[in-house]
Amino acid sequence: MTEQPLVAFDGVTKRYGNFTAVSPIHLEINKGEFLAIMGSSGCGKTTTLRMLAGLETPSDGEIRLAGKRINELPTWQRDTPMVWQSLALFPFLTVRENIEFSLRMRAVAKEERRERVEKWLERMQISEFADRNVAHLSGGQRQRVALARSLVTEPEILLLDEPLSALDAHLKVRMQTVLANLQRELGITFVYVTHSQSEAFSMADRVVIMSRGKIEQTGTPQEIYRTPRTRFVAEFLGSSNIFPGKVTAAAAGAMTIATPVGEFRVADTPARQLSAGDKATFAISSDCIQLTPERPSGEWNCLEASVVGEEFVGATAVVHLEASGHIEIKAQKSHEELDRLKLEPGGRIWVSWRPEASHILPGET
């Protein structure tokens, strides 16, 4: 028997007048799961979260929490606390009073309130700031107070709306570790909205990608990164090279596709068997691209391109290249490899990849 999901969106739509912010979506969130909803501004991710929190009412469809319809249930009866992007702490209260607030609203006894607040002060490593006004804390410390205030009620689910967006880069990385560890230790379902790929992919069990109010793809970070379903997902992640073309030969699990920059072999089995003459678009992750001064031999797909420049991204760098017809190609390389290649802007280099590194975009066939 399949376990019932903790949350179910069943054909949920949200309209504001003539504008549809969220098209009919179907999404199940499992108990104890860390789910990230990702997309650019205006894609509907925050509206989806607000409908789950009870801050917006669906125009159509049904939202169920633990099997119970909650469309009309007031926010305060849902037990779905939210950590806001702005944190929404009370500036006139101390750290202790902020954390205690939700327990007071639930009429929890004084002694139990004290014990639970002390537990979370210690757990979030902010005991020394307990009697300090929250306005006098750093961004990371305020973030921990906001988390403690939401978790002190011991909810089944926690909603987080871009909670790390205002933090400096080093604090973001630290808080990502705190959040991921907390979720694993507590077993609470986290639903986390973000526009940041690094946040979603480093913490979530599954990722939902949204665009224009629709769900483009749902899957593990690895599935989405390696096998994007649509051109939008591949372009949104920014890590894929995309080649549109036409099938010139097809067999089981392999085909040849003619593109504006050449004819390439693709070892992939799309959902629909393609035939010669069919349109097809395939993608190759930038970390699967090889760069060599000489044309590679063997079964590799290859083309010659000119070097445009390099983009430093921490432990690696992205080499930007241009093939004939102004086709842009990206290759992610280690700094050691780039030192050996000694690339110069305008220089020529061979770009290659194995046929099995290619992935047909199902939504583009």
Protein backbone atom coordinates (compact mmCIF):
# COMPACT_ATOMS: atom_id res chain seq x y z
CA MET A 1 0.00 0.00 0.00
CA THR A 2 1.42 3.38 -1.04
CA GLU A 3 1.80 5.88 1.79
CA GLN A 4 -0.47 8.90 1.48
CA PRO A 5 1.42 12.11 0.63
CA LEU A 6 1.47 14.76 3.33
CA VAL A 7 0.47 17.48 0.84
CA ALA A 8 -1.40 17.13 -2.44
CA PHE A 9 -2.12 19.86 -5.01
CA ASP A 10 -4.89 18.47 -7.22
CA GLY A 11 -5.52 20.64 -10.28
CA VAL A 12 -4.86 23.82 -8.30
CA THR A 13 -5.21 27.14 -10.14
CA LYS A 14 -4.81 30.72 -8.93
CA ARG A 15 -6.16 33.64 -10.92
CA TYR A 16 -6.11 37.37 -10.22
CA GLY A 17 -8.80 38.78 -12.48
CA ASN A 18 -7.81 37.83 -16.04
CA PHE A 19 -4.26 36.94 -15.03
CA THR A 20 -3.46 33.29 -14.24
CA ALA A 21 -0.62 33.19 -11.71
CA VAL A 22 -0.72 29.40 -11.31
CA SER A 23 -2.11 27.09 -13.99
CA PRO A 24 -3.65 23.74 -12.97
CA ILE A 25 -0.83 22.00 -11.09
CA HIS A 26 -0.65 18.48 -9.73
CA LEU A 27 1.98 17.96 -7.06
CA GLU A 28 2.44 15.57 -4.15
CA ILE A 29 4.82 16.27 -1.26
CA ASN A 30 5.84 13.33 0.90
CA LYS A 31 6.14 13.28 4.65
CA GLY A 32 9.68 14.02 5.79
CA GLU A 33 10.75 15.30 2.37
CA PHE A 34 12.83 18.40 1.60
CA LEU A 35 11.16 19.82 -1.52
CA ALA A 36 12.47 22.93 -3.27
CA ILE A 37 10.31 24.94 -5.68
CA MET A 38 12.51 26.88 -8.06
CA GLY A 39 11.93 29.36 -10.85
CA SER A 40 12.49 32.93 -11.95
CA SER A 41 10.51 35.88 -10.58
CA GLY A 42 6.83 35.71 -11.46
CA CYS A 43 6.80 31.97 -12.21
CA GLY A 44 4.18 31.19 -9.53
CA LYS A 45 6.40 29.53 -6.92
CA THR A 46 5.64 31.96 -4.08
CA THR A 47 1.92 32.00 -4.93
CA THR A 48 1.95 28.19 -4.69
CA LEU A 49 3.60 28.40 -1.27
CA ARG A 50 1.14 31.07 -0.08
CA MET A 51 -1.81 28.89 -1.10
CA LEU A 52 -0.40 26.08 1.02
CA ALA A 53 0.09 28.50 3.92
CA GLY A 54 -3.50 29.78 3.62
CA LEU A 55 -2.49 33.29 2.61
CA GLU A 56 -4.10 32.84 -0.82
CA THR A 57 -7.21 30.85 -1.75
CA PRO A 58 -7.10 28.64 -4.86
CA SER A 59 -9.40 29.69 -7.70
CA ASP A 60 -9.90 26.02 -8.69
CA GLY A 61 -8.71 22.62 -7.57
CA GLU A 62 -8.02 21.22 -4.13
CA ILE A 63 -5.15 21.33 -1.65
CA ARG A 64 -5.03 18.49 0.89
CA LEU A 65 -2.90 18.30 4.02
CA ALA A 66 -2.68 14.81 5.56
CA GLY A 67 -5.67 13.83 3.37
CA LYS A 68 -7.85 16.74 4.55
CA ARG A 69 -9.04 19.50 2.20
CA ILE A 70 -7.67 22.82 3.47
CA ASN A 71 -8.75 25.28 0.74
CA GLU A 72 -11.00 27.24 3.09
CA LEU A 73 -9.11 26.51 6.34
CA PRO A 74 -7.79 29.71 7.99
CA THR A 75 -4.03 30.14 8.24
CA TRP A 76 -3.97 29.85 12.03
CA GLN A 77 -5.66 26.43 11.89
CA ARG A 78 -3.27 24.82 9.39
CA ASP A 79 -0.09 24.45 11.44
CA THR A 80 2.00 25.41 8.41
CA PRO A 81 4.45 28.01 9.79
CA MET A 82 6.47 30.03 7.32
CA VAL A 83 9.95 31.53 7.45
CA TRP A 84 9.72 34.70 5.37
CA GLN A 85 12.28 36.29 3.11
CA SER A 86 12.12 39.36 5.38
CA LEU A 87 12.08 37.03 8.46
CA ALA A 88 9.20 39.15 9.90
CA LEU A 89 10.62 39.14 13.44
CA PHE A 90 9.11 41.51 16.01
CA PRO A 91 11.70 44.31 16.39
CA PHE A 92 10.36 45.38 19.81
CA LEU A 93 10.80 41.90 21.35
CA THR A 94 13.88 40.04 22.51
CA VAL A 95 15.12 36.83 20.94
CA ARG A 96 13.46 34.78 23.67
CA GLU A 97 10.16 36.65 23.32
CA ASN A 98 10.14 36.23 19.53
CA ILE A 99 10.59 32.47 19.82
CA GLU A 100 8.00 32.24 22.60
CA PHE A 101 5.36 34.26 20.73
CA SER A 102 3.73 31.42 18.79
CA LEU A 103 3.56 29.28 21.95
CA ARG A 104 1.76 32.11 23.75
CA MET A 105 -0.75 32.30 20.89
CA ARG A 106 -1.43 28.58 21.40
CA ALA A 107 -1.91 29.05 25.14
CA VAL A 108 0.95 26.67 25.98
CA ALA A 109 1.59 26.57 29.73
CA LYS A 110 4.33 28.87 31.04
CA GLU A 111 6.69 26.13 32.25
CA GLU A 112 6.41 24.20 28.98
CA ARG A 113 6.97 27.41 27.04
CA ARG A 114 10.16 28.07 28.97
CA GLU A 115 11.49 24.54 28.41
CA ARG A 116 10.75 24.54 24.68
CA VAL A 117 12.24 28.00 24.13
CA GLU A 118 15.42 27.05 26.02
CA LYS A 119 15.69 23.89 23.94
CA TRP A 120 15.55 25.82 20.68
CA LEU A 121 17.84 28.61 21.88
CA GLU A 122 20.43 25.94 22.56
CA ARG A 123 19.73 23.97 19.39
CA MET A 124 20.15 27.04 17.19
CA GLN A 125 23.21 28.15 19.18
CA ILE A 126 21.73 31.53 20.12
CA SER A 127 21.38 31.11 23.91
CA GLU A 128 23.85 33.94 24.56
CA PHE A 129 21.55 36.33 22.65
CA ALA A 130 18.33 35.25 24.41
CA ASP A 131 17.67 38.60 26.08
CA ARG A 132 19.01 40.76 23.29
CA ASN A 133 16.72 42.78 21.01
CA VAL A 134 16.58 41.12 17.58
CA ALA A 135 17.42 44.46 15.94
CA HIS A 136 20.93 44.12 17.39
CA LEU A 137 21.67 40.74 15.80
CA SER A 138 23.53 39.87 12.60
CA GLY A 139 21.68 38.52 9.56
CA GLY A 140 22.69 34.94 10.31
CA GLN A 141 21.63 35.24 13.95
CA ARG A 142 18.23 36.66 12.99
CA GLN A 143 17.84 33.78 10.54
CA ARG A 144 18.33 31.30 13.39
CA VAL A 145 15.77 33.15 15.52
CA ALA A 146 13.21 32.97 12.69
CA LEU A 147 13.81 29.22 12.32
CA ALA A 148 13.53 28.64 16.07
CA ARG A 149 10.28 30.65 16.22
CA SER A 150 8.75 28.48 13.46
CA LEU A 151 10.03 25.13 14.75
CA VAL A 152 9.32 25.63 18.46
CA THR A 153 5.70 24.60 17.79
CA GLU A 154 6.97 21.26 16.41
CA PRO A 155 4.97 21.40 13.15
CA GLU A 156 4.73 18.58 10.60
CA ILE A 157 5.68 20.93 7.79
CA LEU A 158 7.72 24.12 7.50
CA LEU A 159 7.39 26.58 4.60
CA LEU A 160 10.37 28.73 3.65
CA ASP A 161 10.11 31.63 1.21
CA GLU A 162 13.61 32.54 -0.05
CA PRO A 163 14.88 32.77 3.55
CA LEU A 164 18.57 33.12 2.61
CA SER A 165 18.29 35.75 -0.12
CA ALA A 166 19.39 38.65 2.12
CA LEU A 167 22.47 36.89 3.53
CA ASP A 168 26.07 37.29 2.43
CA ALA A 169 27.54 34.44 0.37
CA HIS A 170 29.49 32.82 3.23
CA LEU A 171 26.45 33.00 5.54
CA LYS A 172 24.25 31.43 2.86
CA VAL A 173 26.50 28.38 2.64
CA ARG A 174 26.58 28.05 6.44
CA MET A 175 22.80 28.37 6.75
CA GLN A 176 22.26 25.83 3.95
CA THR A 177 24.13 23.31 6.11
CA VAL A 178 22.09 24.30 9.18
CA LEU A 179 18.79 23.89 7.29
CA ALA A 180 19.72 20.57 5.68
CA ASN A 181 20.92 19.11 9.00
CA LEU A 182 17.83 20.35 10.85
CA GLN A 183 15.50 18.80 8.31
CA ARG A 184 17.25 15.44 8.48
CA GLU A 185 17.39 15.41 12.29
CA LEU A 186 13.78 16.48 12.83
CA GLY A 187 12.18 14.58 9.94
CA ILE A 188 9.92 17.58 9.29
CA THR A 189 8.72 18.22 5.74
CA PHE A 190 10.39 21.36 4.33
CA VAL A 191 8.89 23.19 1.34
CA TYR A 192 11.50 25.70 0.23
CA VAL A 193 10.98 28.38 -2.43
CA THR A 194 14.05 29.82 -4.10
CA HIS A 195 15.40 31.17 -7.38
CA SER A 196 18.87 29.85 -6.52
CA GLN A 197 19.95 26.62 -8.19
CA SER A 198 22.82 26.12 -5.73
CA GLU A 199 20.46 26.33 -2.73
CA ALA A 200 17.88 23.98 -4.21
CA PHE A 201 20.33 21.40 -5.52
CA SER A 202 22.50 21.30 -2.40
CA MET A 203 19.64 20.76 0.09
CA ALA A 204 16.53 19.30 -1.54
CA ASP A 205 15.51 15.67 -2.03
CA ARG A 206 13.38 16.75 -4.98
CA VAL A 207 13.18 19.95 -6.98
CA VAL A 208 10.16 21.44 -8.76
CA ILE A 209 10.94 23.82 -11.65
CA MET A 210 8.17 26.29 -12.50
CA SER A 211 7.66 28.68 -15.39
CA ARG A 212 4.69 30.94 -16.15
CA GLY A 213 2.56 29.28 -13.49
CA LYS A 214 3.23 25.74 -14.71
CA ILE A 215 5.39 22.92 -13.41
CA GLU A 216 8.02 22.22 -16.07
CA GLN A 217 9.71 19.32 -14.28
CA THR A 218 9.87 17.55 -10.92
CA GLY A 219 12.70 15.23 -9.92
CA THR A 220 15.85 14.75 -7.91
CA PRO A 221 18.59 17.34 -8.44
CA GLN A 222 20.58 14.72 -10.36
CA GLU A 223 17.65 13.86 -12.66
CA ILE A 224 16.93 17.47 -13.48
CA TYR A 225 20.58 18.37 -14.03
CA ARG A 226 21.35 15.38 -16.27
CA THR A 227 18.00 14.86 -18.01
CA PRO A 228 16.06 18.13 -18.37
CA ARG A 229 12.64 17.53 -19.91
CA THR A 230 12.28 20.78 -21.83
CA ARG A 231 14.41 23.45 -23.41
CA PHE A 232 13.22 25.88 -20.74
CA VAL A 233 14.59 23.70 -17.93
CA ALA A 234 17.90 23.20 -19.73
CA GLU A 235 18.26 26.94 -20.36
CA PHE A 236 17.10 27.90 -16.87
CA LEU A 237 19.77 25.73 -15.24
CA GLY A 238 22.34 27.35 -17.52
CA SER A 239 24.60 24.29 -17.50
CA SER A 240 23.57 22.70 -20.82
CA ASN A 241 24.53 23.18 -24.43
CA ILE A 242 21.44 22.94 -26.63
CA PHE A 243 21.42 21.81 -30.26
CA PRO A 244 18.19 21.90 -32.30
CA GLY A 245 18.11 19.86 -35.48
CA LYS A 246 16.52 17.12 -37.55
CA VAL A 247 16.92 13.35 -37.35
CA THR A 248 18.75 11.94 -40.37
CA ALA A 249 19.01 8.32 -39.17
CA ALA A 250 17.40 6.46 -36.27
CA ALA A 251 17.72 3.04 -34.66
CA ALA A 252 16.86 1.64 -31.25
CA GLY A 253 18.57 3.81 -28.64
CA ALA A 254 20.68 5.73 -31.15
CA MET A 255 20.21 8.33 -33.85
CA THR A 256 22.02 10.91 -35.93
CA ILE A 257 20.84 14.51 -35.80
CA ALA A 258 21.81 17.23 -38.26
CA THR A 259 22.25 20.66 -36.62
CA PRO A 260 23.41 24.05 -37.91
CA VAL A 261 26.97 23.22 -36.76
CA GLY A 262 27.21 19.63 -37.95
CA GLU A 263 25.80 16.12 -37.77
CA PHE A 264 26.10 14.34 -34.42
CA ARG A 265 25.40 10.91 -32.96
CA VAL A 266 23.05 10.73 -29.96
CA ALA A 267 22.84 7.58 -27.84
CA ASP A 268 19.55 8.20 -26.03
CA THR A 269 16.10 6.62 -25.94
CA PRO A 270 13.42 9.34 -25.90
CA ALA A 271 9.89 8.61 -24.74
CA ARG A 272 8.70 8.65 -28.36
CA GLN A 273 10.69 6.76 -31.00
CA LEU A 274 11.96 9.29 -33.52
CA SER A 275 12.27 8.69 -37.24
CA ALA A 276 14.30 10.27 -40.02
CA GLY A 277 12.90 13.71 -40.79
CA ASP A 278 11.60 14.37 -37.28
CA LYS A 279 12.66 17.53 -35.48
CA ALA A 280 14.74 16.89 -32.37
CA THR A 281 16.67 18.98 -29.84
CA PHE A 282 19.38 17.51 -27.66
CA ALA A 283 21.43 18.87 -24.78
CA ILE A 284 24.89 18.15 -23.38
CA SER A 285 25.89 19.23 -19.89
CA SER A 286 28.84 21.62 -19.88
CA ASP A 287 30.84 19.31 -17.62
CA CYS A 288 30.63 16.54 -20.27
CA ILE A 289 32.37 18.68 -22.90
CA GLN A 290 36.02 17.93 -23.65
CA LEU A 291 38.48 20.46 -25.08
CA THR A 292 41.56 19.36 -27.04
CA PRO A 293 44.07 21.13 -29.29
CA GLU A 294 43.81 18.30 -31.84
CA ARG A 295 40.74 16.66 -33.34
CA PRO A 296 39.85 13.61 -31.19
CA SER A 297 39.69 10.15 -32.72
CA GLY A 298 37.17 7.38 -32.10
CA GLU A 299 33.43 7.64 -31.54
CA TRP A 300 33.41 11.18 -30.13
CA ASN A 301 31.20 13.90 -31.61
CA CYS A 302 33.33 16.94 -32.35
CA LEU A 303 33.43 20.40 -33.86
CA GLU A 304 35.91 23.24 -33.95
CA ALA A 305 35.16 26.48 -32.12
CA SER A 306 36.85 29.71 -31.13
CA VAL A 307 37.47 30.75 -27.53
CA VAL A 308 35.42 33.73 -26.37
CA GLY A 309 36.54 33.86 -22.74
CA GLU A 310 36.53 32.21 -19.32
CA GLU A 311 34.21 32.68 -16.34
CA PHE A 312 35.58 31.95 -12.88
CA VAL A 313 33.07 29.98 -10.74
CA GLY A 314 35.07 28.90 -7.71
CA ALA A 315 36.69 25.48 -7.96
CA THR A 316 36.04 25.39 -11.71
CA ALA A 317 35.75 27.77 -14.64
CA VAL A 318 33.32 27.91 -17.55
CA VAL A 319 34.91 28.35 -20.97
CA HIS A 320 32.67 30.23 -23.39
CA LEU A 321 33.15 29.25 -27.03
CA GLU A 322 31.58 30.09 -30.37
CA ALA A 323 31.04 27.66 -33.23
CA SER A 324 30.09 28.53 -36.80
CA GLY A 325 26.83 30.45 -37.15
CA HIS A 326 27.43 32.20 -33.80
CA ILE A 327 26.39 29.09 -31.86
CA GLU A 328 27.46 29.44 -28.20
CA ILE A 329 28.99 26.48 -26.36
CA LYS A 330 30.01 26.20 -22.69
CA ALA A 331 32.55 23.81 -21.18
CA GLN A 332 33.10 23.48 -17.43
CA LYS A 333 36.75 22.73 -16.64
CA SER A 334 39.09 22.55 -13.68
CA HIS A 335 41.71 25.29 -13.35
CA GLU A 336 44.47 22.68 -13.70
CA GLU A 337 43.11 21.56 -17.07
CA LEU A 338 42.79 25.14 -18.29
CA ASP A 339 46.39 25.82 -17.26
CA ARG A 340 47.45 22.92 -19.48
CA LEU A 341 45.32 24.05 -22.43
CA LYS A 342 46.60 27.66 -22.29
CA LEU A 343 43.51 29.05 -24.02
CA GLU A 344 43.54 32.53 -25.52
CA PRO A 345 40.52 34.59 -26.65
CA GLY A 346 40.09 34.05 -30.38
CA GLY A 347 42.10 30.82 -30.35
CA ARG A 348 40.75 27.69 -31.98
CA ILE A 349 40.00 24.51 -30.00
CA TRP A 350 38.30 21.18 -30.66
CA VAL A 351 35.07 20.61 -28.72
CA SER A 352 33.97 16.99 -28.26
CA TRP A 353 31.60 14.75 -26.31
CA ARG A 354 30.55 11.12 -26.23
CA PRO A 355 27.22 10.19 -27.93
CA GLU A 356 25.89 8.84 -24.62
CA ALA A 357 26.41 12.26 -22.97
CA SER A 358 23.67 13.71 -25.19
CA HIS A 359 20.09 13.89 -23.94
CA ILE A 360 17.04 14.36 -26.16
CA LEU A 361 14.72 17.04 -24.77
CA PRO A 362 11.33 15.26 -24.82
CA GLY A 363 9.36 18.51 -24.81
CA GLU A 364 11.11 19.70 -27.96
CA THR A 365 10.53 16.73 -30.31
